[in-house]
Amino acid sequence: MKKFTKYFLWGILFWLIVEWFTAFQPNLGKWLSYWPEIWLFYITFPLIFAHLIYTQKWNEKQIFISTILTIFIVEVIFAHNTLLYTWPVMIAIIPIAIAIYGFLIFIPKWIVEEKLKENAGKIIIMTVVMAIVSISTYLTSTA
C-alpha cells in the first residue's frame, strides 16, 4: 500500500477518534446528528494532508504552518470556537489546539514513515493534552 493511502486511512481513523473524545463523548446522539456532513472533515483533511505530504513533498515546517491554518478553518470558521480568539483564554487554548491538531496530522505521518521513536517526546505531550481535553469533555458533558 502506498504511503499516501496509508496516511489517508490513518488520518480518517485519527479524526474519528479525536473528534469523539474531544468534542462529542459521551453524547453519541449529538455526534450522529452531524453525520453525514462531518465526514467532510474526516475525509477532506486527511486527503489534503496526504497530498501535501506525499505528493507535494512538504517538509514538517510547511505541514506545521498548514496545521495552524487547519485550526483556523475548523475551529474558528466552522466550529465558531471563541476560546481561540478570546483574550486571555486564547493564551492557553491555542497551544492546546496545536497539540490536538498535531496529534491528528503528525502522528499518522510518523506511523506511516515509522518515525514514532524519534518523535516519542512530542507524541507523549500531544497524548497527554488529548487525555486532559478528553477527560474535561467527559466531565463537563456529564455534569
N, C-alpha and C. Protein backbone atom coordinates (compact mmCIF):
# COMPACT_ATOMS: atom_id res chain seq x y z
N MET A 1 0.85 -1.18 0.00
CA MET A 1 0.00 0.00 0.00
C MET A 1 0.89 1.24 0.00
N LYS A 2 0.54 2.23 -0.79
CA LYS A 2 1.32 3.46 -0.88
C LYS A 2 1.21 4.26 0.42
N LYS A 3 2.25 5.06 0.68
CA LYS A 3 2.26 5.91 1.87
C LYS A 3 1.08 6.88 1.86
N PHE A 4 0.76 7.39 0.70
CA PHE A 4 -0.38 8.31 0.56
C PHE A 4 -1.65 7.65 1.10
N THR A 5 -1.92 6.44 0.65
CA THR A 5 -3.12 5.72 1.06
C THR A 5 -3.08 5.37 2.54
N LYS A 6 -1.94 4.92 3.02
CA LYS A 6 -1.81 4.60 4.45
C LYS A 6 -2.07 5.83 5.30
N TYR A 7 -1.47 6.95 4.92
CA TYR A 7 -1.67 8.18 5.68
C TYR A 7 -3.15 8.56 5.67
N PHE A 8 -3.76 8.50 4.51
CA PHE A 8 -5.17 8.85 4.37
C PHE A 8 -6.04 8.00 5.30
N LEU A 9 -5.83 6.70 5.32
CA LEU A 9 -6.63 5.81 6.17
C LEU A 9 -6.36 6.04 7.65
N TRP A 10 -5.07 6.19 8.02
CA TRP A 10 -4.75 6.51 9.41
C TRP A 10 -5.34 7.86 9.80
N GLY A 11 -5.30 8.81 8.88
CA GLY A 11 -5.84 10.14 9.16
C GLY A 11 -7.32 10.10 9.46
N ILE A 12 -8.08 9.35 8.67
CA ILE A 12 -9.52 9.23 8.92
C ILE A 12 -9.76 8.62 10.30
N LEU A 13 -9.03 7.58 10.62
CA LEU A 13 -9.17 6.95 11.93
C LEU A 13 -8.86 7.93 13.06
N PHE A 14 -7.79 8.69 12.92
CA PHE A 14 -7.42 9.66 13.94
C PHE A 14 -8.47 10.76 14.08
N TRP A 15 -9.02 11.25 12.95
CA TRP A 15 -10.07 12.27 13.03
C TRP A 15 -11.29 11.73 13.76
N LEU A 16 -11.68 10.51 13.47
CA LEU A 16 -12.82 9.91 14.16
C LEU A 16 -12.57 9.82 15.67
N ILE A 17 -11.42 9.31 16.04
CA ILE A 17 -11.09 9.13 17.46
C ILE A 17 -10.99 10.47 18.18
N VAL A 18 -10.24 11.39 17.60
CA VAL A 18 -10.02 12.69 18.25
C VAL A 18 -11.33 13.46 18.38
N GLU A 19 -12.13 13.49 17.34
CA GLU A 19 -13.41 14.20 17.41
C GLU A 19 -14.32 13.60 18.47
N TRP A 20 -14.37 12.28 18.53
CA TRP A 20 -15.22 11.64 19.53
C TRP A 20 -14.77 12.04 20.93
N PHE A 21 -13.49 11.92 21.21
CA PHE A 21 -13.01 12.15 22.57
C PHE A 21 -12.90 13.63 22.97
N THR A 22 -12.71 14.53 22.01
CA THR A 22 -12.54 15.93 22.38
C THR A 22 -13.80 16.76 22.20
N ALA A 23 -14.75 16.28 21.42
CA ALA A 23 -15.91 17.13 21.14
C ALA A 23 -17.25 16.50 21.50
N PHE A 24 -17.39 15.20 21.41
CA PHE A 24 -18.72 14.63 21.49
C PHE A 24 -18.97 13.65 22.63
N GLN A 25 -17.97 12.90 23.05
CA GLN A 25 -18.25 11.88 24.05
C GLN A 25 -18.73 12.50 25.34
N PRO A 26 -19.66 11.96 26.04
CA PRO A 26 -20.34 10.68 25.81
C PRO A 26 -21.66 10.82 25.04
N ASN A 27 -21.82 11.90 24.28
CA ASN A 27 -23.09 12.20 23.62
C ASN A 27 -23.12 11.66 22.19
N LEU A 28 -23.38 10.38 22.04
CA LEU A 28 -23.40 9.74 20.72
C LEU A 28 -24.48 10.36 19.82
N GLY A 29 -25.61 10.69 20.39
CA GLY A 29 -26.68 11.30 19.61
C GLY A 29 -26.27 12.62 18.98
N LYS A 30 -25.57 13.45 19.75
CA LYS A 30 -25.09 14.73 19.21
C LYS A 30 -24.11 14.48 18.07
N TRP A 31 -23.19 13.53 18.27
CA TRP A 31 -22.20 13.20 17.24
C TRP A 31 -22.89 12.74 15.97
N LEU A 32 -23.84 11.84 16.11
CA LEU A 32 -24.55 11.31 14.94
C LEU A 32 -25.41 12.37 14.26
N SER A 33 -25.84 13.40 15.00
CA SER A 33 -26.65 14.45 14.39
C SER A 33 -25.87 15.27 13.37
N TYR A 34 -24.55 15.22 13.43
CA TYR A 34 -23.71 15.96 12.48
C TYR A 34 -23.35 15.12 11.24
N TRP A 35 -23.76 13.87 11.23
CA TRP A 35 -23.46 13.00 10.10
C TRP A 35 -24.51 13.18 9.03
N PRO A 36 -24.26 13.06 7.78
CA PRO A 36 -23.01 12.70 7.14
C PRO A 36 -22.08 13.90 6.88
N GLU A 37 -22.54 15.12 7.22
CA GLU A 37 -21.73 16.31 6.92
C GLU A 37 -20.35 16.27 7.56
N ILE A 38 -20.27 15.75 8.77
CA ILE A 38 -18.99 15.75 9.48
C ILE A 38 -17.94 14.89 8.78
N TRP A 39 -18.42 13.94 7.96
CA TRP A 39 -17.47 13.12 7.20
C TRP A 39 -16.65 13.97 6.24
N LEU A 40 -17.14 15.15 5.87
CA LEU A 40 -16.33 16.04 5.03
C LEU A 40 -15.01 16.37 5.72
N PHE A 41 -15.06 16.59 7.03
CA PHE A 41 -13.83 16.85 7.79
C PHE A 41 -12.98 15.60 7.87
N TYR A 42 -13.62 14.48 8.20
CA TYR A 42 -12.90 13.22 8.42
C TYR A 42 -12.21 12.71 7.15
N ILE A 43 -12.73 13.09 6.01
CA ILE A 43 -12.15 12.63 4.75
C ILE A 43 -11.30 13.72 4.10
N THR A 44 -11.81 14.95 4.08
CA THR A 44 -11.13 16.03 3.37
C THR A 44 -9.76 16.37 3.96
N PHE A 45 -9.69 16.55 5.27
CA PHE A 45 -8.41 16.97 5.85
C PHE A 45 -7.33 15.89 5.74
N PRO A 46 -7.62 14.62 6.00
CA PRO A 46 -6.58 13.61 5.75
C PRO A 46 -6.17 13.54 4.28
N LEU A 47 -7.13 13.74 3.38
CA LEU A 47 -6.81 13.73 1.96
C LEU A 47 -5.91 14.91 1.58
N ILE A 48 -6.24 16.08 2.09
CA ILE A 48 -5.41 17.27 1.82
C ILE A 48 -3.99 17.06 2.35
N PHE A 49 -3.87 16.58 3.59
CA PHE A 49 -2.53 16.42 4.16
C PHE A 49 -1.77 15.27 3.51
N ALA A 50 -2.46 14.21 3.10
CA ALA A 50 -1.78 13.14 2.35
C ALA A 50 -1.20 13.72 1.06
N HIS A 51 -1.95 14.58 0.41
CA HIS A 51 -1.49 15.22 -0.82
C HIS A 51 -0.27 16.13 -0.54
N LEU A 52 -0.38 16.96 0.49
CA LEU A 52 0.72 17.88 0.80
C LEU A 52 2.00 17.14 1.19
N ILE A 53 1.83 16.07 1.97
CA ILE A 53 3.00 15.33 2.48
C ILE A 53 3.61 14.44 1.42
N TYR A 54 2.79 13.66 0.71
CA TYR A 54 3.33 12.62 -0.16
C TYR A 54 3.31 12.95 -1.65
N THR A 55 2.51 13.92 -2.06
CA THR A 55 2.53 14.32 -3.47
C THR A 55 3.36 15.59 -3.64
N GLN A 56 3.09 16.57 -2.78
CA GLN A 56 3.82 17.83 -2.87
C GLN A 56 5.16 17.80 -2.12
N LYS A 57 5.36 16.77 -1.29
CA LYS A 57 6.62 16.57 -0.54
C LYS A 57 6.92 17.74 0.40
N TRP A 58 5.89 18.24 1.08
CA TRP A 58 6.10 19.34 2.01
C TRP A 58 6.90 18.86 3.22
N ASN A 59 7.74 19.75 3.73
CA ASN A 59 8.53 19.42 4.92
C ASN A 59 7.68 19.68 6.17
N GLU A 60 8.22 19.33 7.33
CA GLU A 60 7.44 19.43 8.57
C GLU A 60 7.10 20.87 8.93
N LYS A 61 7.95 21.83 8.58
CA LYS A 61 7.64 23.23 8.85
C LYS A 61 6.42 23.67 8.04
N GLN A 62 6.40 23.31 6.77
CA GLN A 62 5.26 23.65 5.92
C GLN A 62 3.98 22.96 6.41
N ILE A 63 4.11 21.72 6.84
CA ILE A 63 2.97 20.99 7.36
C ILE A 63 2.47 21.64 8.65
N PHE A 64 3.39 22.07 9.50
CA PHE A 64 3.01 22.73 10.74
C PHE A 64 2.24 24.02 10.46
N ILE A 65 2.72 24.81 9.52
CA ILE A 65 2.01 26.04 9.15
C ILE A 65 0.62 25.70 8.61
N SER A 66 0.51 24.64 7.83
CA SER A 66 -0.79 24.19 7.33
C SER A 66 -1.69 23.72 8.47
N THR A 67 -1.08 23.16 9.50
CA THR A 67 -1.83 22.73 10.67
C THR A 67 -2.47 23.93 11.36
N ILE A 68 -1.71 25.03 11.47
CA ILE A 68 -2.25 26.26 12.06
C ILE A 68 -3.44 26.76 11.22
N LEU A 69 -3.29 26.73 9.91
CA LEU A 69 -4.38 27.14 9.02
C LEU A 69 -5.60 26.23 9.20
N THR A 70 -5.37 24.94 9.36
CA THR A 70 -6.45 23.99 9.58
C THR A 70 -7.20 24.30 10.87
N ILE A 71 -6.45 24.64 11.93
CA ILE A 71 -7.08 25.02 13.20
C ILE A 71 -8.01 26.21 12.97
N PHE A 72 -7.52 27.20 12.25
CA PHE A 72 -8.33 28.39 11.97
C PHE A 72 -9.59 28.01 11.20
N ILE A 73 -9.44 27.22 10.15
CA ILE A 73 -10.58 26.85 9.31
C ILE A 73 -11.62 26.06 10.11
N VAL A 74 -11.16 25.03 10.81
CA VAL A 74 -12.10 24.15 11.50
C VAL A 74 -12.67 24.81 12.75
N GLU A 75 -11.79 25.32 13.60
CA GLU A 75 -12.23 25.79 14.91
C GLU A 75 -12.85 27.19 14.90
N VAL A 76 -12.30 28.08 14.11
CA VAL A 76 -12.81 29.45 14.10
C VAL A 76 -13.94 29.62 13.08
N ILE A 77 -13.72 29.19 11.85
CA ILE A 77 -14.72 29.41 10.80
C ILE A 77 -15.91 28.46 10.95
N PHE A 78 -15.65 27.16 11.08
CA PHE A 78 -16.75 26.20 11.10
C PHE A 78 -17.34 25.99 12.50
N ALA A 79 -16.49 25.80 13.51
CA ALA A 79 -17.00 25.48 14.85
C ALA A 79 -17.27 26.72 15.70
N HIS A 80 -16.82 27.87 15.24
CA HIS A 80 -17.00 29.13 15.98
C HIS A 80 -16.49 29.02 17.42
N ASN A 81 -15.31 28.44 17.56
CA ASN A 81 -14.70 28.25 18.88
C ASN A 81 -14.11 29.59 19.35
N THR A 82 -14.90 30.32 20.10
CA THR A 82 -14.50 31.66 20.54
C THR A 82 -13.31 31.63 21.50
N LEU A 83 -13.03 30.49 22.09
CA LEU A 83 -11.90 30.39 23.01
C LEU A 83 -10.57 30.68 22.30
N LEU A 84 -10.52 30.44 21.00
CA LEU A 84 -9.28 30.66 20.26
C LEU A 84 -9.00 32.13 19.96
N TYR A 85 -10.00 32.99 20.15
CA TYR A 85 -9.76 34.41 19.90
C TYR A 85 -10.31 35.29 21.02
N THR A 86 -10.45 34.72 22.20
CA THR A 86 -10.89 35.49 23.37
C THR A 86 -9.70 35.66 24.31
N TRP A 87 -9.35 36.93 24.54
CA TRP A 87 -8.22 37.23 25.43
C TRP A 87 -8.68 37.11 26.87
N PRO A 88 -7.96 36.58 27.79
CA PRO A 88 -6.64 35.95 27.75
C PRO A 88 -6.71 34.43 27.63
N VAL A 89 -7.92 33.88 27.51
CA VAL A 89 -8.10 32.43 27.43
C VAL A 89 -7.31 31.84 26.26
N MET A 90 -7.22 32.60 25.18
CA MET A 90 -6.53 32.12 23.98
C MET A 90 -5.07 31.77 24.23
N ILE A 91 -4.47 32.35 25.25
CA ILE A 91 -3.07 32.06 25.57
C ILE A 91 -2.90 30.57 25.92
N ALA A 92 -3.89 30.00 26.58
CA ALA A 92 -3.85 28.57 26.91
C ALA A 92 -4.44 27.71 25.81
N ILE A 93 -5.47 28.19 25.17
CA ILE A 93 -6.21 27.38 24.20
C ILE A 93 -5.45 27.16 22.89
N ILE A 94 -4.74 28.15 22.42
CA ILE A 94 -4.01 28.00 21.15
C ILE A 94 -2.99 26.86 21.22
N PRO A 95 -2.14 26.79 22.27
CA PRO A 95 -1.21 25.64 22.34
C PRO A 95 -1.94 24.29 22.46
N ILE A 96 -3.08 24.28 23.15
CA ILE A 96 -3.86 23.04 23.25
C ILE A 96 -4.37 22.64 21.86
N ALA A 97 -4.88 23.60 21.11
CA ALA A 97 -5.35 23.31 19.75
C ALA A 97 -4.21 22.81 18.87
N ILE A 98 -3.04 23.41 19.01
CA ILE A 98 -1.88 22.97 18.22
C ILE A 98 -1.52 21.53 18.58
N ALA A 99 -1.56 21.19 19.87
CA ALA A 99 -1.24 19.82 20.29
C ALA A 99 -2.26 18.83 19.73
N ILE A 100 -3.53 19.18 19.79
CA ILE A 100 -4.58 18.27 19.30
C ILE A 100 -4.49 18.10 17.78
N TYR A 101 -4.32 19.19 17.06
CA TYR A 101 -4.23 19.07 15.61
C TYR A 101 -2.89 18.45 15.19
N GLY A 102 -1.86 18.66 15.98
CA GLY A 102 -0.60 17.96 15.73
C GLY A 102 -0.80 16.46 15.86
N PHE A 103 -1.57 16.07 16.86
CA PHE A 103 -1.92 14.66 17.06
C PHE A 103 -2.62 14.11 15.82
N LEU A 104 -3.56 14.89 15.29
CA LEU A 104 -4.32 14.48 14.10
C LEU A 104 -3.48 14.36 12.85
N ILE A 105 -2.54 15.27 12.69
CA ILE A 105 -1.83 15.39 11.42
C ILE A 105 -0.46 14.71 11.43
N PHE A 106 0.28 14.85 12.51
CA PHE A 106 1.63 14.33 12.52
C PHE A 106 1.75 12.86 12.94
N ILE A 107 0.94 12.41 13.88
CA ILE A 107 1.08 11.01 14.31
C ILE A 107 0.77 10.04 13.17
N PRO A 108 -0.26 10.24 12.36
CA PRO A 108 -0.42 9.35 11.21
C PRO A 108 0.80 9.36 10.28
N LYS A 109 1.40 10.52 10.10
CA LYS A 109 2.61 10.63 9.27
C LYS A 109 3.75 9.81 9.88
N TRP A 110 3.94 9.94 11.17
CA TRP A 110 5.02 9.22 11.83
C TRP A 110 4.77 7.72 11.87
N ILE A 111 3.50 7.32 11.93
CA ILE A 111 3.18 5.89 11.86
C ILE A 111 3.57 5.36 10.49
N VAL A 112 3.12 6.05 9.44
CA VAL A 112 3.39 5.61 8.07
C VAL A 112 4.89 5.58 7.79
N GLU A 113 5.61 6.57 8.26
CA GLU A 113 7.05 6.67 7.99
C GLU A 113 7.90 5.94 9.04
N GLU A 114 7.23 5.26 9.97
CA GLU A 114 7.90 4.51 11.03
C GLU A 114 8.89 5.38 11.81
N LYS A 115 8.41 6.55 12.23
CA LYS A 115 9.23 7.50 12.97
C LYS A 115 8.65 7.82 14.34
N LEU A 116 7.98 6.83 14.92
CA LEU A 116 7.37 7.04 16.23
C LEU A 116 8.43 7.22 17.31
N LYS A 117 9.49 6.41 17.27
CA LYS A 117 10.54 6.52 18.30
C LYS A 117 11.22 7.87 18.29
N GLU A 118 11.54 8.37 17.10
CA GLU A 118 12.22 9.67 17.00
C GLU A 118 11.36 10.82 17.51
N ASN A 119 10.06 10.63 17.51
CA ASN A 119 9.13 11.68 17.91
C ASN A 119 8.39 11.35 19.20
N ALA A 120 8.95 10.44 19.98
CA ALA A 120 8.28 9.96 21.20
C ALA A 120 7.94 11.10 22.16
N GLY A 121 8.83 12.04 22.34
CA GLY A 121 8.57 13.16 23.26
C GLY A 121 7.38 13.98 22.82
N LYS A 122 7.31 14.30 21.54
CA LYS A 122 6.19 15.06 21.00
C LYS A 122 4.89 14.26 21.14
N ILE A 123 4.97 12.98 20.87
CA ILE A 123 3.79 12.12 20.94
C ILE A 123 3.27 12.07 22.37
N ILE A 124 4.16 11.97 23.33
CA ILE A 124 3.75 11.95 24.75
C ILE A 124 3.04 13.24 25.11
N ILE A 125 3.62 14.38 24.74
CA ILE A 125 3.00 15.67 25.05
C ILE A 125 1.61 15.77 24.41
N MET A 126 1.51 15.43 23.13
CA MET A 126 0.22 15.52 22.43
C MET A 126 -0.80 14.57 23.04
N THR A 127 -0.36 13.38 23.44
CA THR A 127 -1.26 12.40 24.03
C THR A 127 -1.75 12.86 25.40
N VAL A 128 -0.87 13.45 26.19
CA VAL A 128 -1.27 13.98 27.50
C VAL A 128 -2.30 15.09 27.32
N VAL A 129 -2.05 15.99 26.39
CA VAL A 129 -3.01 17.08 26.12
C VAL A 129 -4.35 16.48 25.68
N MET A 130 -4.31 15.50 24.78
CA MET A 130 -5.53 14.83 24.33
C MET A 130 -6.28 14.21 25.50
N ALA A 131 -5.55 13.55 26.38
CA ALA A 131 -6.18 12.90 27.54
C ALA A 131 -6.85 13.94 28.44
N ILE A 132 -6.17 15.04 28.69
CA ILE A 132 -6.73 16.09 29.55
C ILE A 132 -7.99 16.68 28.92
N VAL A 133 -7.94 16.98 27.64
CA VAL A 133 -9.12 17.54 26.95
C VAL A 133 -10.25 16.51 26.93
N SER A 134 -9.92 15.25 26.70
CA SER A 134 -10.94 14.20 26.68
C SER A 134 -11.62 14.05 28.03
N ILE A 135 -10.84 14.04 29.09
CA ILE A 135 -11.40 13.93 30.44
C ILE A 135 -12.26 15.15 30.75
N SER A 136 -11.76 16.32 30.38
CA SER A 136 -12.51 17.55 30.59
C SER A 136 -13.83 17.53 29.82
N THR A 137 -13.79 17.09 28.59
CA THR A 137 -15.00 17.00 27.78
C THR A 137 -16.01 16.06 28.44
N TYR A 138 -15.53 14.92 28.87
CA TYR A 138 -16.41 13.94 29.51
C TYR A 138 -17.02 14.50 30.79
N LEU A 139 -16.19 15.11 31.62
CA LEU A 139 -16.69 15.64 32.91
C LEU A 139 -17.68 16.77 32.72
N THR A 140 -17.43 17.64 31.75
CA THR A 140 -18.36 18.76 31.54
C THR A 140 -19.62 18.30 30.81
N SER A 141 -19.55 17.22 30.06
CA SER A 141 -20.72 16.71 29.35
C SER A 141 -21.65 15.93 30.26
N THR A 142 -21.10 15.35 31.32
CA THR A 142 -21.91 14.52 32.22
C THR A 142 -22.33 15.28 33.47
N ALA A 143 -21.85 16.51 33.62
CA ALA A 143 -22.17 17.28 34.84
C ALA A 143 -23.57 17.84 34.80
